[in-house]
């Protein structure tokens, strides 16, 4: 059985999907981009701030599901330019303890929704 996870503290879906699905003890988040949940506007002027907003959106979804970044077992990071990897990685690293960080992949893609620079999804377990 699945439970839909919704929070007003992360951007509302812009298509036929949900912010996250809890199935048993597993949480699957949709990819998050730098949409400010209060203004519903993109914030992409600064890559570090963009990455931080993506992570804060993920944090809000995890919190709604009763979890934290400690529960995350896998992330998928999609970026528009691999040359930005170190800058994104520095901000990403602020949210995880390096000893218990999740598995992940980072992939450069041609385009992302709304032509943002980064999108991140996560899988977490209770």
PDB file of N, CA and C in Angstrom:
ATOM      1  N   UNK A   1       0.841  -1.170   0.000  1.00  0.00           N
ATOM      2  CA  UNK A   1       0.000   0.000   0.000  1.00  0.00           C
ATOM      3  C   UNK A   1       0.892   1.242   0.000  1.00  0.00           C
ATOM      4  N   UNK A   2       0.463   2.274  -0.677  1.00  0.00           N
ATOM      5  CA  UNK A   2       1.259   3.492  -0.738  1.00  0.00           C
ATOM      6  C   UNK A   2       0.518   4.653  -0.099  1.00  0.00           C
ATOM      7  N   UNK A   3       1.332   5.574   0.446  1.00  0.00           N
ATOM      8  CA  UNK A   3       0.805   6.778   1.060  1.00  0.00           C
ATOM      9  C   UNK A   3       1.409   7.967   0.325  1.00  0.00           C
ATOM     10  N   UNK A   4       0.574   8.890  -0.083  1.00  0.00           N
ATOM     11  CA  UNK A   4       1.029  10.103  -0.753  1.00  0.00           C
ATOM     12  C   UNK A   4       1.560  11.068   0.301  1.00  0.00           C
ATOM     13  N   UNK A   5       2.757  11.596   0.079  1.00  0.00           N
ATOM     14  CA  UNK A   5       3.349  12.584   0.979  1.00  0.00           C
ATOM     15  C   UNK A   5       3.239  13.949   0.310  1.00  0.00           C
ATOM     16  N   UNK A   6       2.626  14.896   1.011  1.00  0.00           N
ATOM     17  CA  UNK A   6       2.447  16.265   0.504  1.00  0.00           C
ATOM     18  C   UNK A   6       2.799  17.256   1.599  1.00  0.00           C
ATOM     19  N   UNK A   7       3.484  18.313   1.218  1.00  0.00           N
ATOM     20  CA  UNK A   7       3.760  19.394   2.147  1.00  0.00           C
ATOM     21  C   UNK A   7       3.756  20.724   1.399  1.00  0.00           C
ATOM     22  N   UNK A   8       3.250  21.736   2.046  1.00  0.00           N
ATOM     23  CA  UNK A   8       3.269  23.081   1.453  1.00  0.00           C
ATOM     24  C   UNK A   8       4.649  23.714   1.596  1.00  0.00           C
ATOM     25  N   UNK A   9       5.555  23.048   2.308  1.00  0.00           N
ATOM     26  CA  UNK A   9       6.901  23.576   2.520  1.00  0.00           C
ATOM     27  C   UNK A   9       7.870  23.163   1.412  1.00  0.00           C
ATOM     28  N   UNK A  10       7.357  22.481   0.399  1.00  0.00           N
ATOM     29  CA  UNK A  10       8.113  22.140  -0.813  1.00  0.00           C
ATOM     30  C   UNK A  10       7.217  22.485  -1.995  1.00  0.00           C
ATOM     31  N   UNK A  11       7.808  22.665  -3.176  1.00  0.00           N
ATOM     32  CA  UNK A  11       6.999  23.053  -4.337  1.00  0.00           C
ATOM     33  C   UNK A  11       5.915  22.023  -4.658  1.00  0.00           C
ATOM     34  N   UNK A  12       4.764  22.521  -5.034  1.00  0.00           N
ATOM     35  CA  UNK A  12       3.683  21.645  -5.478  1.00  0.00           C
ATOM     36  C   UNK A  12       4.073  21.017  -6.815  1.00  0.00           C
ATOM     37  N   UNK A  13       3.638  19.802  -7.076  1.00  0.00           N
ATOM     38  CA  UNK A  13       3.932  19.178  -8.368  1.00  0.00           C
ATOM     39  C   UNK A  13       3.425  20.027  -9.531  1.00  0.00           C
ATOM     40  N   UNK A  14       4.171  19.990 -10.631  1.00  0.00           N
ATOM     41  CA  UNK A  14       3.780  20.742 -11.827  1.00  0.00           C
ATOM     42  C   UNK A  14       3.334  19.796 -12.937  1.00  0.00           C
ATOM     43  N   UNK A  15       2.908  18.610 -12.541  1.00  0.00           N
ATOM     44  CA  UNK A  15       2.446  17.607 -13.493  1.00  0.00           C
ATOM     45  C   UNK A  15       1.747  16.488 -12.747  1.00  0.00           C
ATOM     46  N   UNK A  16       1.491  15.381 -13.428  1.00  0.00           N
ATOM     47  CA  UNK A  16       0.778  14.266 -12.810  1.00  0.00           C
ATOM     48  C   UNK A  16       1.699  13.370 -11.964  1.00  0.00           C
ATOM     49  N   UNK A  17       2.159  13.916 -10.854  1.00  0.00           N
ATOM     50  CA  UNK A  17       3.008  13.175  -9.921  1.00  0.00           C
ATOM     51  C   UNK A  17       2.844  13.788  -8.535  1.00  0.00           C
ATOM     52  N   UNK A  18       3.417  13.151  -7.523  1.00  0.00           N
ATOM     53  CA  UNK A  18       3.371  13.636  -6.152  1.00  0.00           C
ATOM     54  C   UNK A  18       4.775  13.951  -5.669  1.00  0.00           C
ATOM     55  N   UNK A  19       4.865  14.729  -4.603  1.00  0.00           N
ATOM     56  CA  UNK A  19       6.173  15.066  -4.042  1.00  0.00           C
ATOM     57  C   UNK A  19       6.924  13.812  -3.606  1.00  0.00           C
ATOM     58  N   UNK A  20       6.199  12.873  -3.026  1.00  0.00           N
ATOM     59  CA  UNK A  20       6.824  11.625  -2.582  1.00  0.00           C
ATOM     60  C   UNK A  20       5.755  10.570  -2.353  1.00  0.00           C
ATOM     61  N   UNK A  21       6.220   9.334  -2.364  1.00  0.00           N
ATOM     62  CA  UNK A  21       5.377   8.178  -2.066  1.00  0.00           C
ATOM     63  C   UNK A  21       6.056   7.373  -0.968  1.00  0.00           C
ATOM     64  N   UNK A  22       5.300   7.059   0.081  1.00  0.00           N
ATOM     65  CA  UNK A  22       5.773   6.179   1.135  1.00  0.00           C
ATOM     66  C   UNK A  22       5.128   4.820   0.896  1.00  0.00           C
ATOM     67  N   UNK A  23       5.954   3.813   0.710  1.00  0.00           N
ATOM     68  CA  UNK A  23       5.475   2.448   0.495  1.00  0.00           C
ATOM     69  C   UNK A  23       6.159   1.563   1.531  1.00  0.00           C
ATOM     70  N   UNK A  24       5.371   1.090   2.483  1.00  0.00           N
ATOM     71  CA  UNK A  24       5.967   0.359   3.595  1.00  0.00           C
ATOM     72  C   UNK A  24       6.867   1.315   4.362  1.00  0.00           C
ATOM     73  N   UNK A  25       8.133   0.955   4.510  1.00  0.00           N
ATOM     74  CA  UNK A  25       9.071   1.838   5.203  1.00  0.00           C
ATOM     75  C   UNK A  25       9.990   2.589   4.241  1.00  0.00           C
ATOM     76  N   UNK A  26       9.671   2.548   2.934  1.00  0.00           N
ATOM     77  CA  UNK A  26      10.493   3.188   1.905  1.00  0.00           C
ATOM     78  C   UNK A  26       9.823   4.458   1.386  1.00  0.00           C
ATOM     79  N   UNK A  27      10.605   5.526   1.305  1.00  0.00           N
ATOM     80  CA  UNK A  27      10.123   6.795   0.770  1.00  0.00           C
ATOM     81  C   UNK A  27      10.840   7.072  -0.539  1.00  0.00           C
ATOM     82  N   UNK A  28      10.080   7.387  -1.551  1.00  0.00           N
ATOM     83  CA  UNK A  28      10.614   7.713  -2.872  1.00  0.00           C
ATOM     84  C   UNK A  28      10.194   9.142  -3.187  1.00  0.00           C
ATOM     85  N   UNK A  29      11.159  10.051  -3.287  1.00  0.00           N
ATOM     86  CA  UNK A  29      10.804  11.433  -3.594  1.00  0.00           C
ATOM     87  C   UNK A  29      10.872  11.667  -5.090  1.00  0.00           C
ATOM     88  N   UNK A  30      10.062  12.585  -5.547  1.00  0.00           N
ATOM     89  CA  UNK A  30      10.199  13.068  -6.919  1.00  0.00           C
ATOM     90  C   UNK A  30      11.406  13.988  -6.964  1.00  0.00           C
ATOM     91  N   UNK A  31      11.935  14.181  -8.160  1.00  0.00           N
ATOM     92  CA  UNK A  31      13.050  15.103  -8.316  1.00  0.00           C
ATOM     93  C   UNK A  31      12.642  16.505  -7.920  1.00  0.00           C
ATOM     94  N   UNK A  32      13.522  17.158  -7.185  1.00  0.00           N
ATOM     95  CA  UNK A  32      13.266  18.520  -6.727  1.00  0.00           C
ATOM     96  C   UNK A  32      14.163  19.492  -7.467  1.00  0.00           C
ATOM     97  N   UNK A  33      13.579  20.618  -7.841  1.00  0.00           N
ATOM     98  CA  UNK A  33      14.329  21.696  -8.457  1.00  0.00           C
ATOM     99  C   UNK A  33      14.181  22.931  -7.583  1.00  0.00           C
ATOM    100  N   UNK A  34      14.844  24.006  -7.947  1.00  0.00           N
ATOM    101  CA  UNK A  34      14.892  25.201  -7.100  1.00  0.00           C
ATOM    102  C   UNK A  34      13.685  26.111  -7.286  1.00  0.00           C
ATOM    103  N   UNK A  35      12.521  25.584  -6.966  1.00  0.00           N
ATOM    104  CA  UNK A  35      11.313  26.396  -6.924  1.00  0.00           C
ATOM    105  C   UNK A  35      11.068  26.751  -5.465  1.00  0.00           C
ATOM    106  N   UNK A  36      10.942  28.030  -5.196  1.00  0.00           N
ATOM    107  CA  UNK A  36      10.650  28.489  -3.854  1.00  0.00           C
ATOM    108  C   UNK A  36       9.193  28.138  -3.557  1.00  0.00           C
ATOM    109  N   UNK A  37       8.927  27.344  -2.506  1.00  0.00           N
ATOM    110  CA  UNK A  37       7.549  26.924  -2.243  1.00  0.00           C
ATOM    111  C   UNK A  37       6.635  28.055  -1.788  1.00  0.00           C
ATOM    112  N   UNK A  38       7.188  29.154  -1.323  1.00  0.00           N
ATOM    113  CA  UNK A  38       6.382  30.287  -0.879  1.00  0.00           C
ATOM    114  C   UNK A  38       5.949  31.146  -2.063  1.00  0.00           C
ATOM    115  N   UNK A  39       6.904  31.447  -2.959  1.00  0.00           N
ATOM    116  CA  UNK A  39       6.613  32.333  -4.092  1.00  0.00           C
ATOM    117  C   UNK A  39       6.252  31.567  -5.360  1.00  0.00           C
ATOM    118  N   UNK A  40       6.566  30.276  -5.385  1.00  0.00           N
ATOM    119  CA  UNK A  40       6.381  29.428  -6.566  1.00  0.00           C
ATOM    120  C   UNK A  40       7.238  29.894  -7.752  1.00  0.00           C
ATOM    121  N   UNK A  41       8.318  30.594  -7.446  1.00  0.00           N
ATOM    122  CA  UNK A  41       9.232  31.104  -8.466  1.00  0.00           C
ATOM    123  C   UNK A  41      10.543  30.331  -8.434  1.00  0.00           C
ATOM    124  N   UNK A  42      11.166  30.205  -9.617  1.00  0.00           N
ATOM    125  CA  UNK A  42      12.493  29.614  -9.691  1.00  0.00           C
ATOM    126  C   UNK A  42      13.516  30.542  -9.058  1.00  0.00           C
ATOM    127  N   UNK A  43      14.522  29.949  -8.418  1.00  0.00           N
ATOM    128  CA  UNK A  43      15.636  30.714  -7.866  1.00  0.00           C
ATOM    129  C   UNK A  43      16.926  30.085  -8.380  1.00  0.00           C
ATOM    130  N   UNK A  44      17.397  30.578  -9.519  1.00  0.00           N
ATOM    131  CA  UNK A  44      18.541  29.954 -10.192  1.00  0.00           C
ATOM    132  C   UNK A  44      19.682  30.936 -10.496  1.00  0.00           C
ATOM    133  N   UNK A  45      19.691  32.075  -9.846  1.00  0.00           N
ATOM    134  CA  UNK A  45      20.716  33.080 -10.142  1.00  0.00           C
ATOM    135  C   UNK A  45      22.097  32.655  -9.662  1.00  0.00           C
ATOM    136  N   UNK A  46      22.168  31.928  -8.548  1.00  0.00           N
ATOM    137  CA  UNK A  46      23.416  31.507  -7.946  1.00  0.00           C
ATOM    138  C   UNK A  46      23.368  29.995  -7.747  1.00  0.00           C
ATOM    139  N   UNK A  47      24.359  29.271  -8.279  1.00  0.00           N
ATOM    140  CA  UNK A  47      24.327  27.804  -8.256  1.00  0.00           C
ATOM    141  C   UNK A  47      24.311  27.236  -6.841  1.00  0.00           C
ATOM    142  N   UNK A  48      25.061  27.828  -5.933  1.00  0.00           N
ATOM    143  CA  UNK A  48      25.073  27.335  -4.555  1.00  0.00           C
ATOM    144  C   UNK A  48      23.711  27.537  -3.896  1.00  0.00           C
ATOM    145  N   UNK A  49      23.111  28.706  -4.099  1.00  0.00           N
ATOM    146  CA  UNK A  49      21.773  28.953  -3.543  1.00  0.00           C
ATOM    147  C   UNK A  49      20.731  28.049  -4.193  1.00  0.00           C
ATOM    148  N   UNK A  50      20.872  27.808  -5.484  1.00  0.00           N
ATOM    149  CA  UNK A  50      19.959  26.908  -6.190  1.00  0.00           C
ATOM    150  C   UNK A  50      20.048  25.506  -5.593  1.00  0.00           C
ATOM    151  N   UNK A  51      21.262  25.027  -5.399  1.00  0.00           N
ATOM    152  CA  UNK A  51      21.464  23.690  -4.829  1.00  0.00           C
ATOM    153  C   UNK A  51      20.903  23.621  -3.414  1.00  0.00           C
ATOM    154  N   UNK A  52      21.146  24.651  -2.631  1.00  0.00           N
ATOM    155  CA  UNK A  52      20.649  24.685  -1.248  1.00  0.00           C
ATOM    156  C   UNK A  52      19.117  24.641  -1.219  1.00  0.00           C
ATOM    157  N   UNK A  53      18.460  25.358  -2.120  1.00  0.00           N
ATOM    158  CA  UNK A  53      16.998  25.342  -2.168  1.00  0.00           C
ATOM    159  C   UNK A  53      16.487  23.952  -2.556  1.00  0.00           C
ATOM    160  N   UNK A  54      17.154  23.299  -3.481  1.00  0.00           N
ATOM    161  CA  UNK A  54      16.787  21.924  -3.845  1.00  0.00           C
ATOM    162  C   UNK A  54      16.879  21.023  -2.613  1.00  0.00           C
ATOM    163  N   UNK A  55      17.968  21.143  -1.868  1.00  0.00           N
ATOM    164  CA  UNK A  55      18.147  20.317  -0.675  1.00  0.00           C
ATOM    165  C   UNK A  55      17.124  20.667   0.408  1.00  0.00           C
ATOM    166  N   UNK A  56      16.790  21.932   0.543  1.00  0.00           N
ATOM    167  CA  UNK A  56      15.775  22.334   1.527  1.00  0.00           C
ATOM    168  C   UNK A  56      14.397  21.803   1.127  1.00  0.00           C
ATOM    169  N   UNK A  57      14.112  21.766  -0.168  1.00  0.00           N
ATOM    170  CA  UNK A  57      12.845  21.184  -0.629  1.00  0.00           C
ATOM    171  C   UNK A  57      12.803  19.697  -0.302  1.00  0.00           C
ATOM    172  N   UNK A  58      13.909  19.001  -0.514  1.00  0.00           N
ATOM    173  CA  UNK A  58      13.974  17.581  -0.144  1.00  0.00           C
ATOM    174  C   UNK A  58      13.803  17.416   1.363  1.00  0.00           C
ATOM    175  N   UNK A  59      14.453  18.272   2.128  1.00  0.00           N
ATOM    176  CA  UNK A  59      14.353  18.218   3.591  1.00  0.00           C
ATOM    177  C   UNK A  59      12.903  18.374   4.048  1.00  0.00           C
ATOM    178  N   UNK A  60      12.167  19.290   3.430  1.00  0.00           N
ATOM    179  CA  UNK A  60      10.766  19.499   3.793  1.00  0.00           C
ATOM    180  C   UNK A  60       9.932  18.248   3.532  1.00  0.00           C
ATOM    181  N   UNK A  61      10.203  17.579   2.441  1.00  0.00           N
ATOM    182  CA  UNK A  61       9.472  16.350   2.113  1.00  0.00           C
ATOM    183  C   UNK A  61       9.843  15.242   3.090  1.00  0.00           C
ATOM    184  N   UNK A  62      11.126  15.101   3.373  1.00  0.00           N
ATOM    185  CA  UNK A  62      11.565  14.098   4.352  1.00  0.00           C
ATOM    186  C   UNK A  62      10.905  14.356   5.702  1.00  0.00           C
ATOM    187  N   UNK A  63      10.888  15.607   6.124  1.00  0.00           N
ATOM    188  CA  UNK A  63      10.290  15.973   7.406  1.00  0.00           C
ATOM    189  C   UNK A  63       8.806  15.609   7.437  1.00  0.00           C
ATOM    190  N   UNK A  64       8.101  15.890   6.357  1.00  0.00           N
ATOM    191  CA  UNK A  64       6.671  15.556   6.290  1.00  0.00           C
ATOM    192  C   UNK A  64       6.449  14.054   6.443  1.00  0.00           C
ATOM    193  N   UNK A  65       7.411  13.270   5.977  1.00  0.00           N
ATOM    194  CA  UNK A  65       7.315  11.809   6.086  1.00  0.00           C
ATOM    195  C   UNK A  65       7.884  11.286   7.401  1.00  0.00           C
ATOM    196  N   UNK A  66       8.303  12.197   8.284  1.00  0.00           N
ATOM    197  CA  UNK A  66       8.849  11.781   9.573  1.00  0.00           C
ATOM    198  C   UNK A  66      10.281  11.292   9.478  1.00  0.00           C
ATOM    199  N   UNK A  67      11.025  11.797   8.506  1.00  0.00           N
ATOM    200  CA  UNK A  67      12.404  11.368   8.296  1.00  0.00           C
ATOM    201  C   UNK A  67      13.346  12.562   8.225  1.00  0.00           C
ATOM    202  N   UNK A  68      14.645  12.251   8.163  1.00  0.00           N
ATOM    203  CA  UNK A  68      15.688  13.257   7.995  1.00  0.00           C
ATOM    204  C   UNK A  68      16.643  12.768   6.913  1.00  0.00           C
ATOM    205  N   UNK A  69      17.677  13.540   6.653  1.00  0.00           N
ATOM    206  CA  UNK A  69      18.686  13.109   5.685  1.00  0.00           C
ATOM    207  C   UNK A  69      19.416  11.853   6.160  1.00  0.00           C
ATOM    208  N   UNK A  70      19.385  11.575   7.444  1.00  0.00           N
ATOM    209  CA  UNK A  70      19.986  10.332   7.957  1.00  0.00           C
ATOM    210  C   UNK A  70      19.266   9.096   7.426  1.00  0.00           C
ATOM    211  N   UNK A  71      18.000   9.247   7.041  1.00  0.00           N
ATOM    212  CA  UNK A  71      17.229   8.121   6.507  1.00  0.00           C
ATOM    213  C   UNK A  71      17.477   7.873   5.028  1.00  0.00           C
ATOM    214  N   UNK A  72      18.123   8.804   4.353  1.00  0.00           N
ATOM    215  CA  UNK A  72      18.324   8.690   2.905  1.00  0.00           C
ATOM    216  C   UNK A  72      19.376   7.631   2.608  1.00  0.00           C
ATOM    217  N   UNK A  73      19.006   6.692   1.721  1.00  0.00           N
ATOM    218  CA  UNK A  73      19.942   5.630   1.349  1.00  0.00           C
ATOM    219  C   UNK A  73      20.471   5.786  -0.074  1.00  0.00           C
ATOM    220  N   UNK A  74      19.808   6.611  -0.895  1.00  0.00           N
ATOM    221  CA  UNK A  74      20.244   6.800  -2.291  1.00  0.00           C
ATOM    222  C   UNK A  74      19.728   8.127  -2.807  1.00  0.00           C
ATOM    223  N   UNK A  75      20.575   8.831  -3.525  1.00  0.00           N
ATOM    224  CA  UNK A  75      20.146  10.041  -4.222  1.00  0.00           C
ATOM    225  C   UNK A  75      20.538   9.934  -5.684  1.00  0.00           C
ATOM    226  N   UNK A  76      19.802  10.631  -6.502  1.00  0.00           N
ATOM    227  CA  UNK A  76      20.119  10.772  -7.922  1.00  0.00           C
ATOM    228  C   UNK A  76      20.225  12.267  -8.193  1.00  0.00           C
ATOM    229  N   UNK A  77      21.362  12.671  -8.731  1.00  0.00           N
ATOM    230  CA  UNK A  77      21.608  14.080  -9.012  1.00  0.00           C
ATOM    231  C   UNK A  77      21.753  14.243 -10.521  1.00  0.00           C
ATOM    232  N   UNK A  78      20.968  15.143 -11.064  1.00  0.00           N
ATOM    233  CA  UNK A  78      21.029  15.453 -12.491  1.00  0.00           C
ATOM    234  C   UNK A  78      21.477  16.895 -12.615  1.00  0.00           C
ATOM    235  N   UNK A  79      22.544  17.123 -13.372  1.00  0.00           N
ATOM    236  CA  UNK A  79      23.070  18.476 -13.525  1.00  0.00           C
ATOM    237  C   UNK A  79      23.225  18.794 -15.007  1.00  0.00           C
ATOM    238  N   UNK A  80      23.122  20.073 -15.315  1.00  0.00           N
ATOM    239  CA  UNK A  80      23.192  20.503 -16.711  1.00  0.00           C
ATOM    240  C   UNK A  80      24.621  20.689 -17.203  1.00  0.00           C
ATOM    241  N   UNK A  81      25.583  20.759 -16.281  1.00  0.00           N
ATOM    242  CA  UNK A  81      26.973  20.976 -16.672  1.00  0.00           C
ATOM    243  C   UNK A  81      27.889  20.321 -15.638  1.00  0.00           C
ATOM    244  N   UNK A  82      28.595  19.271 -16.022  1.00  0.00           N
ATOM    245  CA  UNK A  82      29.472  18.544 -15.109  1.00  0.00           C
ATOM    246  C   UNK A  82      30.594  19.438 -14.569  1.00  0.00           C
ATOM    247  N   UNK A  83      30.882  20.534 -15.236  1.00  0.00           N
ATOM    248  CA  UNK A  83      31.884  21.475 -14.726  1.00  0.00           C
ATOM    249  C   UNK A  83      31.439  22.117 -13.411  1.00  0.00           C
ATOM    250  N   UNK A  84      30.153  22.036 -13.107  1.00  0.00           N
ATOM    251  CA  UNK A  84      29.618  22.587 -11.856  1.00  0.00           C
ATOM    252  C   UNK A  84      29.599  21.573 -10.716  1.00  0.00           C
ATOM    253  N   UNK A  85      30.078  20.371 -10.976  1.00  0.00           N
ATOM    254  CA  UNK A  85      29.986  19.293  -9.999  1.00  0.00           C
ATOM    255  C   UNK A  85      30.556  19.670  -8.635  1.00  0.00           C
ATOM    256  N   UNK A  86      31.748  20.231  -8.585  1.00  0.00           N
ATOM    257  CA  UNK A  86      32.383  20.521  -7.291  1.00  0.00           C
ATOM    258  C   UNK A  86      31.596  21.556  -6.495  1.00  0.00           C
ATOM    259  N   UNK A  87      31.026  22.531  -7.156  1.00  0.00           N
ATOM    260  CA  UNK A  87      30.237  23.550  -6.462  1.00  0.00           C
ATOM    261  C   UNK A  87      28.960  22.946  -5.890  1.00  0.00           C
ATOM    262  N   UNK A  88      28.302  22.105  -6.679  1.00  0.00           N
ATOM    263  CA  UNK A  88      27.084  21.427  -6.229  1.00  0.00           C
ATOM    264  C   UNK A  88      27.420  20.463  -5.098  1.00  0.00           C
ATOM    265  N   UNK A  89      28.487  19.710  -5.260  1.00  0.00           N
ATOM    266  CA  UNK A  89      28.898  18.714  -4.276  1.00  0.00           C
ATOM    267  C   UNK A  89      29.214  19.349  -2.926  1.00  0.00           C
ATOM    268  N   UNK A  90      29.793  20.541  -2.932  1.00  0.00           N
ATOM    269  CA  UNK A  90      30.117  21.230  -1.683  1.00  0.00           C
ATOM    270  C   UNK A  90      28.851  21.532  -0.883  1.00  0.00           C
ATOM    271  N   UNK A  91      27.818  22.015  -1.550  1.00  0.00           N
ATOM    272  CA  UNK A  91      26.552  22.312  -0.859  1.00  0.00           C
ATOM    273  C   UNK A  91      25.862  21.013  -0.455  1.00  0.00           C
ATOM    274  N   UNK A  92      25.797  20.054  -1.363  1.00  0.00           N
ATOM    275  CA  UNK A  92      25.197  18.748  -1.079  1.00  0.00           C
ATOM    276  C   UNK A  92      25.822  18.146   0.183  1.00  0.00           C
ATOM    277  N   UNK A  93      27.129  18.254   0.294  1.00  0.00           N
ATOM    278  CA  UNK A  93      27.850  17.685   1.422  1.00  0.00           C
ATOM    279  C   UNK A  93      27.499  18.306   2.761  1.00  0.00           C
ATOM    280  N   UNK A  94      26.926  19.498   2.766  1.00  0.00           N
ATOM    281  CA  UNK A  94      26.495  20.139   4.010  1.00  0.00           C
ATOM    282  C   UNK A  94      25.326  19.394   4.661  1.00  0.00           C
ATOM    283  N   UNK A  95      24.628  18.587   3.898  1.00  0.00           N
ATOM    284  CA  UNK A  95      23.410  17.930   4.372  1.00  0.00           C
ATOM    285  C   UNK A  95      23.632  16.483   4.819  1.00  0.00           C
ATOM    286  N   UNK A  96      24.821  15.945   4.593  1.00  0.00           N
ATOM    287  CA  UNK A  96      25.097  14.551   4.931  1.00  0.00           C
ATOM    288  C   UNK A  96      26.391  14.433   5.718  1.00  0.00           C
ATOM    289  N   UNK A  97      26.418  13.513   6.664  1.00  0.00           N
ATOM    290  CA  UNK A  97      27.638  13.137   7.360  1.00  0.00           C
ATOM    291  C   UNK A  97      28.420  12.248   6.400  1.00  0.00           C
ATOM    292  N   UNK A  98      29.661  12.552   6.167  1.00  0.00           N
ATOM    293  CA  UNK A  98      30.430  11.791   5.177  1.00  0.00           C
ATOM    294  C   UNK A  98      30.557  10.313   5.536  1.00  0.00           C
ATOM    295  N   UNK A  99      30.483   9.981   6.808  1.00  0.00           N
ATOM    296  CA  UNK A  99      30.584   8.573   7.231  1.00  0.00           C
ATOM    297  C   UNK A  99      29.326   7.768   6.912  1.00  0.00           C
ATOM    298  N   UNK A 100      28.168   8.452   6.870  1.00  0.00           N
ATOM    299  CA  UNK A 100      26.903   7.742   6.665  1.00  0.00           C
ATOM    300  C   UNK A 100      26.151   8.247   5.429  1.00  0.00           C
ATOM    301  N   UNK A 101      26.861   8.956   4.558  1.00  0.00           N
ATOM    302  CA  UNK A 101      26.224   9.505   3.350  1.00  0.00           C
ATOM    303  C   UNK A 101      25.623   8.385   2.503  1.00  0.00           C
ATOM    304  N   UNK A 102      24.565   8.693   1.758  1.00  0.00           N
ATOM    305  CA  UNK A 102      23.904   7.668   0.943  1.00  0.00           C
ATOM    306  C   UNK A 102      24.704   7.329  -0.315  1.00  0.00           C
ATOM    307  N   UNK A 103      24.291   6.259  -0.954  1.00  0.00           N
ATOM    308  CA  UNK A 103      24.777   5.964  -2.299  1.00  0.00           C
ATOM    309  C   UNK A 103      24.190   7.025  -3.226  1.00  0.00           C
ATOM    310  N   UNK A 104      24.841   7.264  -4.373  1.00  0.00           N
ATOM    311  CA  UNK A 104      24.293   8.250  -5.297  1.00  0.00           C
ATOM    312  C   UNK A 104      24.903   8.075  -6.672  1.00  0.00           C
ATOM    313  N   UNK A 105      24.222   8.688  -7.633  1.00  0.00           N
ATOM    314  CA  UNK A 105      24.805   8.871  -8.948  1.00  0.00           C
ATOM    315  C   UNK A 105      24.619  10.326  -9.325  1.00  0.00           C
ATOM    316  N   UNK A 106      25.550  10.831 -10.102  1.00  0.00           N
ATOM    317  CA  UNK A 106      25.466  12.191 -10.614  1.00  0.00           C
ATOM    318  C   UNK A 106      25.609  12.095 -12.121  1.00  0.00           C
ATOM    319  N   UNK A 107      24.630  12.630 -12.830  1.00  0.00           N
ATOM    320  CA  UNK A 107      24.571  12.498 -14.277  1.00  0.00           C
ATOM    321  C   UNK A 107      24.401  13.866 -14.919  1.00  0.00           C
ATOM    322  N   UNK A 108      25.202  14.148 -15.928  1.00  0.00           N
ATOM    323  CA  UNK A 108      25.002  15.358 -16.713  1.00  0.00           C
ATOM    324  C   UNK A 108      23.944  15.067 -17.770  1.00  0.00           C
ATOM    325  N   UNK A 109      22.996  15.974 -17.892  1.00  0.00           N
ATOM    326  CA  UNK A 109      21.903  15.812 -18.853  1.00  0.00           C
ATOM    327  C   UNK A 109      21.820  17.036 -19.763  1.00  0.00           C
ATOM    328  N   UNK A 110      21.184  16.871 -20.899  1.00  0.00           N
ATOM    329  CA  UNK A 110      21.076  17.970 -21.866  1.00  0.00           C
ATOM    330  C   UNK A 110      20.188  19.098 -21.347  1.00  0.00           C
ATOM    331  N   UNK A 111      19.065  18.752 -20.729  1.00  0.00           N
ATOM    332  CA  UNK A 111      18.127  19.746 -20.203  1.00  0.00           C
ATOM    333  C   UNK A 111      17.416  19.171 -18.997  1.00  0.00           C
ATOM    334  N   UNK A 112      16.950  20.069 -18.148  1.00  0.00           N
ATOM    335  CA  UNK A 112      16.162  19.711 -16.980  1.00  0.00           C
ATOM    336  C   UNK A 112      14.875  20.528 -17.010  1.00  0.00           C
ATOM    337  N   UNK A 113      13.862  20.123 -16.218  1.00  0.00           N
ATOM    338  CA  UNK A 113      12.620  20.899 -16.198  1.00  0.00           C
ATOM    339  C   UNK A 113      12.884  22.384 -15.939  1.00  0.00           C
ATOM    340  N   UNK A 114      12.221  23.217 -16.687  1.00  0.00           N
ATOM    341  CA  UNK A 114      12.335  24.674 -16.576  1.00  0.00           C
ATOM    342  C   UNK A 114      13.768  25.154 -16.811  1.00  0.00           C
ATOM    343  N   UNK A 115      14.586  24.288 -17.401  1.00  0.00           N
ATOM    344  CA  UNK A 115      15.977  24.600 -17.744  1.00  0.00           C
ATOM    345  C   UNK A 115      16.817  25.004 -16.527  1.00  0.00           C
ATOM    346  N   UNK A 116      16.544  24.361 -15.389  1.00  0.00           N
ATOM    347  CA  UNK A 116      17.328  24.601 -14.183  1.00  0.00           C
ATOM    348  C   UNK A 116      18.703  23.940 -14.325  1.00  0.00           C
ATOM    349  N   UNK A 117      19.569  24.173 -13.358  1.00  0.00           N
ATOM    350  CA  UNK A 117      20.923  23.622 -13.383  1.00  0.00           C
ATOM    351  C   UNK A 117      21.051  22.294 -12.668  1.00  0.00           C
ATOM    352  N   UNK A 118      20.099  22.002 -11.769  1.00  0.00           N
ATOM    353  CA  UNK A 118      20.208  20.811 -10.934  1.00  0.00           C
ATOM    354  C   UNK A 118      18.830  20.286 -10.534  1.00  0.00           C
ATOM    355  N   UNK A 119      18.734  18.963 -10.452  1.00  0.00           N
ATOM    356  CA  UNK A 119      17.548  18.288  -9.925  1.00  0.00           C
ATOM    357  C   UNK A 119      18.039  17.107  -9.100  1.00  0.00           C
ATOM    358  N   UNK A 120      17.451  16.910  -7.934  1.00  0.00           N
ATOM    359  CA  UNK A 120      17.849  15.814  -7.063  1.00  0.00           C
ATOM    360  C   UNK A 120      16.616  15.069  -6.573  1.00  0.00           C
ATOM    361  N   UNK A 121      16.678  13.733  -6.603  1.00  0.00           N
ATOM    362  CA  UNK A 121      15.654  12.895  -5.984  1.00  0.00           C
ATOM    363  C   UNK A 121      16.329  12.002  -4.947  1.00  0.00           C
ATOM    364  N   UNK A 122      15.524  11.433  -4.061  1.00  0.00           N
ATOM    365  CA  UNK A 122      16.067  10.605  -2.989  1.00  0.00           C
ATOM    366  C   UNK A 122      15.179   9.408  -2.699  1.00  0.00           C
ATOM    367  N   UNK A 123      15.814   8.392  -2.164  1.00  0.00           N
ATOM    368  CA  UNK A 123      15.119   7.233  -1.615  1.00  0.00           C
ATOM    369  C   UNK A 123      15.556   7.151  -0.165  1.00  0.00           C
ATOM    370  N   UNK A 124      14.583   7.024   0.744  1.00  0.00           N
ATOM    371  CA  UNK A 124      14.885   6.949   2.166  1.00  0.00           C
ATOM    372  C   UNK A 124      14.158   5.754   2.789  1.00  0.00           C
ATOM    373  N   UNK A 125      14.662   5.309   3.914  1.00  0.00           N
ATOM    374  CA  UNK A 125      14.067   4.176   4.618  1.00  0.00           C
ATOM    375  C   UNK A 125      13.924   4.533   6.101  1.00  0.00           C
ATOM    376  N   UNK A 126      12.793   4.113   6.691  1.00  0.00           N
ATOM    377  CA  UNK A 126      12.557   4.373   8.119  1.00  0.00           C
ATOM    378  C   UNK A 126      13.294   3.349   8.948  1.00  0.00           C
TER     379      UNK A 126
END
